Amino acid sequence: MRYGTAADASRCDFADGLTLERPRQITEAQFASDLLELAGWHATNVLPHLNGFQGYDLIKITIR
């Protein structure tokens, strides 16, 4: 992502959760920008191919 946040998930529907690695040097606004970039990319490129997606509001997110 633009500011270096790394994302990891075992499934493309995030059913097992999403882990984000936030670089120490970025601001909260930059971190939020990376999250929005990830959500937009996922909604555009992955979501149309999923059947029965639980929704973004139910994803367990771990930030390190």
Protein backbone atom coordinates (compact mmCIF):
# COMPACT_ATOMS: atom_id res chain seq x y z
CA MET A 1 0.00 0.00 0.00
CA ARG A 2 1.11 3.55 -0.54
CA TYR A 3 2.51 4.16 2.95
CA GLY A 4 3.85 0.67 3.56
CA THR A 5 1.12 -1.00 5.60
CA ALA A 6 1.26 -4.78 5.07
CA ALA A 7 -1.89 -6.90 5.06
CA ASP A 8 -2.17 -10.65 5.58
CA ALA A 9 -5.19 -12.95 5.50
CA SER A 10 -5.49 -16.70 5.08
CA ARG A 11 -8.69 -16.36 3.03
CA CYS A 12 -9.81 -13.84 0.43
CA ASP A 13 -13.13 -13.35 2.24
CA PHE A 14 -11.32 -12.47 5.49
CA ALA A 15 -13.37 -15.12 7.35
CA ASP A 16 -10.34 -15.96 9.53
CA GLY A 17 -9.52 -12.31 10.12
CA LEU A 18 -7.15 -9.73 8.70
CA THR A 19 -3.76 -8.81 10.16
CA LEU A 20 -2.26 -5.40 9.41
CA GLU A 21 1.37 -4.46 10.04
CA ARG A 22 1.54 -0.69 10.54
CA PRO A 23 4.91 0.94 9.93
CA ARG A 24 5.97 3.01 12.96
CA GLN A 25 6.83 6.13 10.97
CA ILE A 26 3.44 6.73 9.34
CA THR A 27 0.72 8.98 10.73
CA GLU A 28 -2.80 7.91 11.62
CA ALA A 29 -4.07 9.65 8.47
CA GLN A 30 -1.59 7.71 6.32
CA PHE A 31 -2.57 4.45 8.01
CA ALA A 32 -6.26 5.24 7.37
CA SER A 33 -5.42 5.97 3.73
CA ASP A 34 -3.77 2.55 3.41
CA LEU A 35 -6.85 0.88 4.94
CA LEU A 36 -9.17 2.65 2.52
CA GLU A 37 -6.91 1.66 -0.38
CA LEU A 38 -7.10 -1.99 0.73
CA ALA A 39 -10.88 -1.87 1.14
CA GLY A 40 -11.35 -0.24 -2.26
CA TRP A 41 -9.08 -2.73 -3.98
CA HIS A 42 -10.84 -5.65 -2.30
CA ALA A 43 -14.33 -4.33 -3.11
CA THR A 44 -13.38 -3.82 -6.76
CA ASN A 45 -11.24 -6.88 -7.47
CA VAL A 46 -12.19 -9.65 -5.03
CA LEU A 47 -15.70 -9.03 -3.69
CA PRO A 48 -17.47 -9.54 -7.06
CA HIS A 49 -16.11 -13.11 -7.14
CA LEU A 50 -17.17 -14.08 -3.61
CA ASN A 51 -20.33 -15.98 -2.81
CA GLY A 52 -21.82 -15.27 0.60
CA PHE A 53 -19.37 -12.62 1.80
CA GLN A 54 -20.09 -11.81 5.48
CA GLY A 55 -19.54 -8.07 5.08
CA TYR A 56 -16.79 -5.66 6.01
CA ASP A 57 -18.34 -4.85 9.38
CA LEU A 58 -17.77 -8.42 10.65
CA ILE A 59 -14.05 -8.73 9.85
CA LYS A 60 -11.77 -9.25 12.86
CA ILE A 61 -8.78 -6.95 12.32
CA THR A 62 -5.50 -7.28 14.23
CA ILE A 63 -3.08 -4.35 14.05
CA ARG A 64 0.57 -4.87 14.88
